[in-house]
Amino acid sequence: MPKPIFYAFLLMLAFQTWNPLSVFAQQGFMLKGVVFLRQSDFRISSALILNLKNKQTVGTDYTGAFAVKANLGDTLKITKKDYADNYYVVESQKDAVIQLSQNIQLNEVRIVGQSKKQELDDAMRQYRGQGSFYNGKPPLLAAIASPITGLYELFGKTPGQARRFQAFTKAETEQINIDKRFNKDVVKQNTDLTDAQIDVFMDTFRPSYDQLIRWNDYDLINYVKTSAKQLKDGKAPPPLKKLY
């Protein structure tokens, strides 16, 4: 190869090797962006931005903004508690606009419900301690094996009280189970009703236990949204009368 051509080849190779654009691409750049709640202008703070390529992790500030080191083609994983994870592929150096969807949460009234159920169970055990072994409903074999016990369970004062209390316990337990799934938090998350409207809504559209056990979570949410529309359109039935 003639020397002039050889030197020109080396010069071209050196230029390509030290091309500032190539060096810049290797070093990466600071990608800036903002994380929003999906379909809103609400900015999400304290979300974590993980670059899956270089493993750098940063968090969004109180305005939802962040800056993370990245290269074109990198993938960012965006996470935050109570929100669905999202992924963002870096295709340019323009500011990234990322949206997160909030997870649907059906809160349960665990502490109140469990403590009340425990109280009801304790009361039933007290009836057993007073001689009502079968809560006022003796099985047939028990009556045959011990006729006196069977008659006492059927006609005695304490067994009668036990039967009434057992019916009360069943009704209370059903209401506890309704409260676990149908509560103000669920209504707030799935409607735009005001607090005053929610109070009316809870009394007017409270489902029965038999309805609720047939519904999955999406059935319940659909019921809440449909009923809320009826309330806002003035088509709601009168509130249920409270018996207590």
C-alpha atoms as a PDB file:
ATOM      1  CA  MET A   1       0.000   0.000   0.000  1.00  0.00           C
ATOM      2  CA  PRO A   2       1.527   3.412  -0.961  1.00  0.00           C
ATOM      3  CA  LYS A   3       2.541   5.520   2.018  1.00  0.00           C
ATOM      4  CA  PRO A   4       0.144   8.447   1.322  1.00  0.00           C
ATOM      5  CA  ILE A   5      -2.813   6.049   1.165  1.00  0.00           C
ATOM      6  CA  PHE A   6      -1.551   4.200   4.239  1.00  0.00           C
ATOM      7  CA  TYR A   7      -1.291   7.455   6.260  1.00  0.00           C
ATOM      8  CA  ALA A   8      -4.719   8.539   5.111  1.00  0.00           C
ATOM      9  CA  PHE A   9      -6.123   5.191   6.255  1.00  0.00           C
ATOM     10  CA  LEU A  10      -4.538   5.619   9.713  1.00  0.00           C
ATOM     11  CA  LEU A  11      -5.872   9.151   9.983  1.00  0.00           C
ATOM     12  CA  MET A  12      -9.372   7.995   9.106  1.00  0.00           C
ATOM     13  CA  LEU A  13      -9.161   5.155  11.647  1.00  0.00           C
ATOM     14  CA  ALA A  14      -7.936   7.546  14.347  1.00  0.00           C
ATOM     15  CA  PHE A  15     -10.770   9.978  13.613  1.00  0.00           C
ATOM     16  CA  GLN A  16     -13.378   7.222  13.898  1.00  0.00           C
ATOM     17  CA  THR A  17     -11.812   5.961  17.109  1.00  0.00           C
ATOM     18  CA  TRP A  18     -11.754   9.406  18.744  1.00  0.00           C
ATOM     19  CA  ASN A  19     -14.995  10.657  17.302  1.00  0.00           C
ATOM     20  CA  PRO A  20     -16.553  12.839  20.044  1.00  0.00           C
ATOM     21  CA  LEU A  21     -20.007  11.501  19.224  1.00  0.00           C
ATOM     22  CA  SER A  22     -18.755   7.935  19.661  1.00  0.00           C
ATOM     23  CA  VAL A  23     -17.120   8.810  22.991  1.00  0.00           C
ATOM     24  CA  PHE A  24     -20.288  10.578  24.121  1.00  0.00           C
ATOM     25  CA  ALA A  25     -22.395   7.539  23.240  1.00  0.00           C
ATOM     26  CA  GLN A  26     -20.110   5.316  25.286  1.00  0.00           C
ATOM     27  CA  GLN A  27     -20.145   7.660  28.288  1.00  0.00           C
ATOM     28  CA  GLY A  28     -23.922   8.134  28.206  1.00  0.00           C
ATOM     29  CA  PHE A  29     -25.922  11.191  29.254  1.00  0.00           C
ATOM     30  CA  MET A  30     -28.209  12.351  32.084  1.00  0.00           C
ATOM     31  CA  LEU A  31     -31.779  11.534  31.156  1.00  0.00           C
ATOM     32  CA  LYS A  32     -34.304  13.799  32.855  1.00  0.00           C
ATOM     33  CA  GLY A  33     -37.968  12.999  33.279  1.00  0.00           C
ATOM     34  CA  VAL A  34     -41.160  13.238  35.318  1.00  0.00           C
ATOM     35  CA  VAL A  35     -43.436  10.501  36.690  1.00  0.00           C
ATOM     36  CA  PHE A  36     -47.198  11.112  36.660  1.00  0.00           C
ATOM     37  CA  LEU A  37     -50.258   9.201  37.831  1.00  0.00           C
ATOM     38  CA  ARG A  38     -51.813   7.754  34.681  1.00  0.00           C
ATOM     39  CA  GLN A  39     -54.401   9.973  32.998  1.00  0.00           C
ATOM     40  CA  SER A  40     -53.869  12.837  35.461  1.00  0.00           C
ATOM     41  CA  ASP A  41     -51.517  15.734  36.182  1.00  0.00           C
ATOM     42  CA  PHE A  42     -50.682  14.343  39.644  1.00  0.00           C
ATOM     43  CA  ARG A  43     -46.918  13.954  40.031  1.00  0.00           C
ATOM     44  CA  ILE A  44     -45.614  10.953  41.958  1.00  0.00           C
ATOM     45  CA  SER A  45     -42.793  11.524  44.415  1.00  0.00           C
ATOM     46  CA  SER A  46     -40.455   8.878  45.881  1.00  0.00           C
ATOM     47  CA  ALA A  47     -40.805   6.544  42.897  1.00  0.00           C
ATOM     48  CA  LEU A  48     -37.691   4.468  42.146  1.00  0.00           C
ATOM     49  CA  ILE A  49     -36.065   4.625  38.707  1.00  0.00           C
ATOM     50  CA  LEU A  50     -33.725   1.667  38.011  1.00  0.00           C
ATOM     51  CA  ASN A  51     -31.590   1.545  34.872  1.00  0.00           C
ATOM     52  CA  LEU A  52     -31.530  -2.190  34.156  1.00  0.00           C
ATOM     53  CA  LYS A  53     -28.322  -1.804  32.088  1.00  0.00           C
ATOM     54  CA  ASN A  54     -25.994   0.093  34.448  1.00  0.00           C
ATOM     55  CA  LYS A  55     -27.940  -0.735  37.661  1.00  0.00           C
ATOM     56  CA  GLN A  56     -28.122   2.911  38.731  1.00  0.00           C
ATOM     57  CA  THR A  57     -31.147   3.718  40.889  1.00  0.00           C
ATOM     58  CA  VAL A  58     -32.546   7.182  41.617  1.00  0.00           C
ATOM     59  CA  GLY A  59     -35.768   8.454  43.182  1.00  0.00           C
ATOM     60  CA  THR A  60     -38.227  11.116  42.072  1.00  0.00           C
ATOM     61  CA  ASP A  61     -38.355  14.314  44.114  1.00  0.00           C
ATOM     62  CA  TYR A  62     -41.468  16.002  45.511  1.00  0.00           C
ATOM     63  CA  THR A  63     -42.324  17.263  42.019  1.00  0.00           C
ATOM     64  CA  GLY A  64     -42.038  13.778  40.495  1.00  0.00           C
ATOM     65  CA  ALA A  65     -38.844  14.719  38.626  1.00  0.00           C
ATOM     66  CA  PHE A  66     -35.691  12.604  38.277  1.00  0.00           C
ATOM     67  CA  ALA A  67     -32.355  12.454  36.455  1.00  0.00           C
ATOM     68  CA  VAL A  68     -30.572   9.171  35.751  1.00  0.00           C
ATOM     69  CA  LYS A  69     -27.468   8.265  33.756  1.00  0.00           C
ATOM     70  CA  ALA A  70     -28.414   6.362  30.593  1.00  0.00           C
ATOM     71  CA  ASN A  71     -27.509   5.359  27.068  1.00  0.00           C
ATOM     72  CA  LEU A  72     -29.775   5.031  24.063  1.00  0.00           C
ATOM     73  CA  GLY A  73     -31.437   1.633  24.171  1.00  0.00           C
ATOM     74  CA  ASP A  74     -31.317   1.296  27.971  1.00  0.00           C
ATOM     75  CA  THR A  75     -34.468   0.173  29.787  1.00  0.00           C
ATOM     76  CA  LEU A  76     -35.683   1.879  32.951  1.00  0.00           C
ATOM     77  CA  LYS A  77     -37.855   0.113  35.519  1.00  0.00           C
ATOM     78  CA  ILE A  78     -40.131   2.437  37.503  1.00  0.00           C
ATOM     79  CA  THR A  79     -41.585   1.186  40.796  1.00  0.00           C
ATOM     80  CA  LYS A  80     -43.497   2.536  43.786  1.00  0.00           C
ATOM     81  CA  LYS A  81     -45.550   0.861  46.503  1.00  0.00           C
ATOM     82  CA  ASP A  82     -49.266   0.624  45.664  1.00  0.00           C
ATOM     83  CA  TYR A  83     -48.524   1.275  41.958  1.00  0.00           C
ATOM     84  CA  ALA A  84     -48.057  -1.132  39.063  1.00  0.00           C
ATOM     85  CA  ASP A  85     -44.471  -1.386  37.755  1.00  0.00           C
ATOM     86  CA  ASN A  86     -43.719   0.315  34.436  1.00  0.00           C
ATOM     87  CA  TYR A  87     -40.830   0.057  31.938  1.00  0.00           C
ATOM     88  CA  TYR A  88     -39.414   2.818  29.753  1.00  0.00           C
ATOM     89  CA  VAL A  89     -37.001   2.328  26.825  1.00  0.00           C
ATOM     90  CA  VAL A  90     -34.599   5.229  26.270  1.00  0.00           C
ATOM     91  CA  GLU A  91     -34.952   6.094  22.581  1.00  0.00           C
ATOM     92  CA  SER A  92     -33.747   9.710  22.665  1.00  0.00           C
ATOM     93  CA  GLN A  93     -32.270  12.346  24.934  1.00  0.00           C
ATOM     94  CA  LYS A  94     -35.601  14.163  25.258  1.00  0.00           C
ATOM     95  CA  ASP A  95     -37.143  14.459  28.727  1.00  0.00           C
ATOM     96  CA  ALA A  96     -39.049  11.294  29.608  1.00  0.00           C
ATOM     97  CA  VAL A  97     -42.726  11.441  30.585  1.00  0.00           C
ATOM     98  CA  ILE A  98     -43.647   8.274  32.477  1.00  0.00           C
ATOM     99  CA  GLN A  99     -47.040   7.248  33.866  1.00  0.00           C
ATOM    100  CA  LEU A 100     -47.846   4.784  36.647  1.00  0.00           C
ATOM    101  CA  SER A 101     -51.179   3.091  37.295  1.00  0.00           C
ATOM    102  CA  GLN A 102     -52.411   2.816  40.850  1.00  0.00           C
ATOM    103  CA  ASN A 103     -53.165  -0.691  42.052  1.00  0.00           C
ATOM    104  CA  ILE A 104     -56.726  -1.441  43.103  1.00  0.00           C
ATOM    105  CA  GLN A 105     -56.889  -2.112  46.820  1.00  0.00           C
ATOM    106  CA  LEU A 106     -59.856  -3.566  48.603  1.00  0.00           C
ATOM    107  CA  ASN A 107     -59.045  -2.761  52.187  1.00  0.00           C
ATOM    108  CA  GLU A 108     -60.251  -5.058  54.922  1.00  0.00           C
ATOM    109  CA  VAL A 109     -61.383  -4.078  58.395  1.00  0.00           C
ATOM    110  CA  ARG A 110     -59.149  -6.722  59.932  1.00  0.00           C
ATOM    111  CA  ILE A 111     -58.627  -5.597  63.527  1.00  0.00           C
ATOM    112  CA  VAL A 112     -62.196  -4.512  64.249  1.00  0.00           C
ATOM    113  CA  GLY A 113     -63.740  -7.479  62.463  1.00  0.00           C
ATOM    114  CA  GLN A 114     -61.543 -10.085  64.109  1.00  0.00           C
ATOM    115  CA  SER A 115     -61.912  -8.681  67.628  1.00  0.00           C
ATOM    116  CA  LYS A 116     -65.691  -8.557  67.307  1.00  0.00           C
ATOM    117  CA  LYS A 117     -65.802 -12.124  66.019  1.00  0.00           C
ATOM    118  CA  GLN A 118     -63.643 -13.220  68.940  1.00  0.00           C
ATOM    119  CA  GLU A 119     -66.094 -11.604  71.354  1.00  0.00           C
ATOM    120  CA  LEU A 120     -68.997 -13.473  69.755  1.00  0.00           C
ATOM    121  CA  ASP A 121     -67.102 -16.774  69.914  1.00  0.00           C
ATOM    122  CA  ASP A 122     -66.261 -16.177  73.571  1.00  0.00           C
ATOM    123  CA  ALA A 123     -69.931 -15.577  74.354  1.00  0.00           C
ATOM    124  CA  MET A 124     -70.900 -18.870  72.708  1.00  0.00           C
ATOM    125  CA  ARG A 125     -68.284 -20.675  74.791  1.00  0.00           C
ATOM    126  CA  GLN A 126     -69.878 -19.182  77.909  1.00  0.00           C
ATOM    127  CA  TYR A 127     -73.208 -20.714  76.910  1.00  0.00           C
ATOM    128  CA  ARG A 128     -71.477 -24.069  76.602  1.00  0.00           C
ATOM    129  CA  GLY A 129     -70.056 -23.564  80.079  1.00  0.00           C
ATOM    130  CA  GLN A 130     -73.595 -23.153  81.388  1.00  0.00           C
ATOM    131  CA  GLY A 131     -74.579 -26.580  80.080  1.00  0.00           C
ATOM    132  CA  SER A 132     -75.674 -25.853  76.523  1.00  0.00           C
ATOM    133  CA  PHE A 133     -73.273 -28.202  74.739  1.00  0.00           C
ATOM    134  CA  TYR A 134     -74.847 -27.973  71.297  1.00  0.00           C
ATOM    135  CA  ASN A 135     -75.878 -24.281  71.219  1.00  0.00           C
ATOM    136  CA  GLY A 136     -79.518 -25.296  71.443  1.00  0.00           C
ATOM    137  CA  LYS A 137     -79.353 -27.563  68.360  1.00  0.00           C
ATOM    138  CA  PRO A 138     -78.573 -31.103  69.570  1.00  0.00           C
ATOM    139  CA  PRO A 139     -77.846 -33.713  66.879  1.00  0.00           C
ATOM    140  CA  LEU A 140     -80.186 -36.692  66.689  1.00  0.00           C
ATOM    141  CA  LEU A 141     -77.581 -39.127  68.052  1.00  0.00           C
ATOM    142  CA  ALA A 142     -77.026 -36.941  71.106  1.00  0.00           C
ATOM    143  CA  ALA A 143     -80.736 -36.972  71.916  1.00  0.00           C
ATOM    144  CA  ILE A 144     -80.856 -40.769  71.571  1.00  0.00           C
ATOM    145  CA  ALA A 145     -77.719 -41.317  73.650  1.00  0.00           C
ATOM    146  CA  SER A 146     -78.873 -38.951  76.393  1.00  0.00           C
ATOM    147  CA  PRO A 147     -82.622 -38.134  76.259  1.00  0.00           C
ATOM    148  CA  ILE A 148     -82.381 -35.774  79.220  1.00  0.00           C
ATOM    149  CA  THR A 149     -79.653 -33.740  77.555  1.00  0.00           C
ATOM    150  CA  GLY A 150     -81.647 -33.684  74.319  1.00  0.00           C
ATOM    151  CA  LEU A 151     -84.790 -32.366  76.068  1.00  0.00           C
ATOM    152  CA  TYR A 152     -82.749 -29.760  77.950  1.00  0.00           C
ATOM    153  CA  GLU A 153     -81.156 -28.550  74.755  1.00  0.00           C
ATOM    154  CA  LEU A 154     -84.538 -28.270  73.042  1.00  0.00           C
ATOM    155  CA  PHE A 155     -86.603 -26.679  75.834  1.00  0.00           C
ATOM    156  CA  GLY A 156     -84.209 -25.324  78.466  1.00  0.00           C
ATOM    157  CA  LYS A 157     -83.866 -21.577  79.073  1.00  0.00           C
ATOM    158  CA  THR A 158     -80.146 -21.395  78.397  1.00  0.00           C
ATOM    159  CA  PRO A 159     -80.357 -23.430  75.150  1.00  0.00           C
ATOM    160  CA  GLY A 160     -83.103 -21.089  73.927  1.00  0.00           C
ATOM    161  CA  GLN A 161     -80.889 -18.131  74.614  1.00  0.00           C
ATOM    162  CA  ALA A 162     -78.045 -19.911  72.871  1.00  0.00           C
ATOM    163  CA  ARG A 163     -80.157 -20.444  69.747  1.00  0.00           C
ATOM    164  CA  ARG A 164     -81.125 -16.776  69.650  1.00  0.00           C
ATOM    165  CA  PHE A 165     -77.555 -15.692  70.261  1.00  0.00           C
ATOM    166  CA  GLN A 166     -76.292 -18.041  67.576  1.00  0.00           C
ATOM    167  CA  ALA A 167     -78.685 -16.452  65.073  1.00  0.00           C
ATOM    168  CA  PHE A 168     -77.461 -13.027  66.164  1.00  0.00           C
ATOM    169  CA  THR A 169     -73.839 -14.175  65.813  1.00  0.00           C
ATOM    170  CA  LYS A 170     -74.491 -15.399  62.274  1.00  0.00           C
ATOM    171  CA  ALA A 171     -76.026 -12.069  61.272  1.00  0.00           C
ATOM    172  CA  GLU A 172     -73.193 -10.074  62.870  1.00  0.00           C
ATOM    173  CA  THR A 173     -70.538 -12.231  61.201  1.00  0.00           C
ATOM    174  CA  GLU A 174     -72.157 -11.644  57.818  1.00  0.00           C
ATOM    175  CA  GLN A 175     -72.115  -7.867  58.395  1.00  0.00           C
ATOM    176  CA  ILE A 176     -68.431  -8.053  59.366  1.00  0.00           C
ATOM    177  CA  ASN A 177     -67.661  -9.854  56.107  1.00  0.00           C
ATOM    178  CA  ILE A 178     -69.565  -7.187  54.158  1.00  0.00           C
ATOM    179  CA  ASP A 179     -67.566  -4.415  55.854  1.00  0.00           C
ATOM    180  CA  LYS A 180     -64.298  -6.097  54.861  1.00  0.00           C
ATOM    181  CA  ARG A 181     -65.019  -5.582  51.162  1.00  0.00           C
ATOM    182  CA  PHE A 182     -67.676  -2.842  50.956  1.00  0.00           C
ATOM    183  CA  ASN A 183     -66.253   0.185  52.757  1.00  0.00           C
ATOM    184  CA  LYS A 184     -65.581   3.895  52.245  1.00  0.00           C
ATOM    185  CA  ASP A 185     -62.020   3.337  51.020  1.00  0.00           C
ATOM    186  CA  VAL A 186     -63.270   1.192  48.125  1.00  0.00           C
ATOM    187  CA  VAL A 187     -65.893   3.808  47.218  1.00  0.00           C
ATOM    188  CA  LYS A 188     -63.360   6.670  47.350  1.00  0.00           C
ATOM    189  CA  GLN A 189     -60.911   4.810  45.103  1.00  0.00           C
ATOM    190  CA  ASN A 190     -63.497   4.061  42.441  1.00  0.00           C
ATOM    191  CA  THR A 191     -65.810   7.106  42.410  1.00  0.00           C
ATOM    192  CA  ASP A 192     -65.628  10.890  42.624  1.00  0.00           C
ATOM    193  CA  LEU A 193     -68.352  11.155  45.273  1.00  0.00           C
ATOM    194  CA  THR A 194     -67.955  13.703  48.047  1.00  0.00           C
ATOM    195  CA  ASP A 195     -67.731  12.614  51.692  1.00  0.00           C
ATOM    196  CA  ALA A 196     -71.364  13.596  52.241  1.00  0.00           C
ATOM    197  CA  GLN A 197     -72.462  11.618  49.183  1.00  0.00           C
ATOM    198  CA  ILE A 198     -70.434   8.615  50.315  1.00  0.00           C
ATOM    199  CA  ASP A 199     -72.288   8.552  53.663  1.00  0.00           C
ATOM    200  CA  VAL A 200     -75.595   8.367  51.796  1.00  0.00           C
ATOM    201  CA  PHE A 201     -74.155   5.868  49.313  1.00  0.00           C
ATOM    202  CA  MET A 202     -73.015   3.448  52.055  1.00  0.00           C
ATOM    203  CA  ASP A 203     -76.525   3.278  53.526  1.00  0.00           C
ATOM    204  CA  THR A 204     -78.413   3.258  50.233  1.00  0.00           C
ATOM    205  CA  PHE A 205     -76.395   0.734  48.254  1.00  0.00           C
ATOM    206  CA  ARG A 206     -75.077  -1.600  50.946  1.00  0.00           C
ATOM    207  CA  PRO A 207     -75.176  -5.084  49.349  1.00  0.00           C
ATOM    208  CA  SER A 208     -76.491  -8.158  51.111  1.00  0.00           C
ATOM    209  CA  TYR A 209     -74.184 -10.936  52.257  1.00  0.00           C
ATOM    210  CA  ASP A 210     -75.684 -13.309  49.671  1.00  0.00           C
ATOM    211  CA  GLN A 211     -74.883 -10.813  46.899  1.00  0.00           C
ATOM    212  CA  LEU A 212     -71.345 -10.179  48.068  1.00  0.00           C
ATOM    213  CA  ILE A 213     -70.250 -13.815  48.315  1.00  0.00           C
ATOM    214  CA  ARG A 214     -71.121 -14.255  44.621  1.00  0.00           C
ATOM    215  CA  TRP A 215     -69.022 -11.265  43.497  1.00  0.00           C
ATOM    216  CA  ASN A 216     -65.336 -11.191  42.709  1.00  0.00           C
ATOM    217  CA  ASP A 217     -63.404  -7.926  43.119  1.00  0.00           C
ATOM    218  CA  TYR A 218     -64.250  -6.641  39.647  1.00  0.00           C
ATOM    219  CA  ASP A 219     -67.957  -7.387  40.142  1.00  0.00           C
ATOM    220  CA  LEU A 220     -67.859  -5.327  43.342  1.00  0.00           C
ATOM    221  CA  ILE A 221     -66.060  -2.407  41.678  1.00  0.00           C
ATOM    222  CA  ASN A 222     -68.526  -2.436  38.776  1.00  0.00           C
ATOM    223  CA  TYR A 223     -71.414  -2.417  41.275  1.00  0.00           C
ATOM    224  CA  VAL A 224     -69.880   0.556  43.131  1.00  0.00           C
ATOM    225  CA  LYS A 225     -69.348   2.571  39.938  1.00  0.00           C
ATOM    226  CA  THR A 226     -72.811   1.810  38.540  1.00  0.00           C
ATOM    227  CA  SER A 227     -74.534   2.600  41.841  1.00  0.00           C
ATOM    228  CA  ALA A 228     -72.553   5.851  42.228  1.00  0.00           C
ATOM    229  CA  LYS A 229     -73.810   6.979  38.807  1.00  0.00           C
ATOM    230  CA  GLN A 230     -77.382   6.234  39.881  1.00  0.00           C
ATOM    231  CA  LEU A 231     -76.871   8.328  43.004  1.00  0.00           C
ATOM    232  CA  LYS A 232     -75.480  11.285  41.030  1.00  0.00           C
ATOM    233  CA  ASP A 233     -78.288  11.021  38.452  1.00  0.00           C
ATOM    234  CA  GLY A 234     -80.900  11.096  41.197  1.00  0.00           C
ATOM    235  CA  LYS A 235     -82.062   7.542  40.493  1.00  0.00           C
ATOM    236  CA  ALA A 236     -81.027   6.029  43.836  1.00  0.00           C
ATOM    237  CA  PRO A 237     -83.588   4.121  45.902  1.00  0.00           C
ATOM    238  CA  PRO A 238     -84.372   5.426  49.417  1.00  0.00           C
ATOM    239  CA  PRO A 239     -81.730   4.542  52.072  1.00  0.00           C
ATOM    240  CA  LEU A 240     -82.198   1.285  53.926  1.00  0.00           C
ATOM    241  CA  LYS A 241     -83.758   1.657  57.369  1.00  0.00           C
ATOM    242  CA  LYS A 242     -81.407   0.859  60.196  1.00  0.00           C
ATOM    243  CA  LEU A 243     -82.690  -1.610  62.757  1.00  0.00           C
ATOM    244  CA  TYR A 244     -80.381  -0.412  65.553  1.00  0.00           C
END
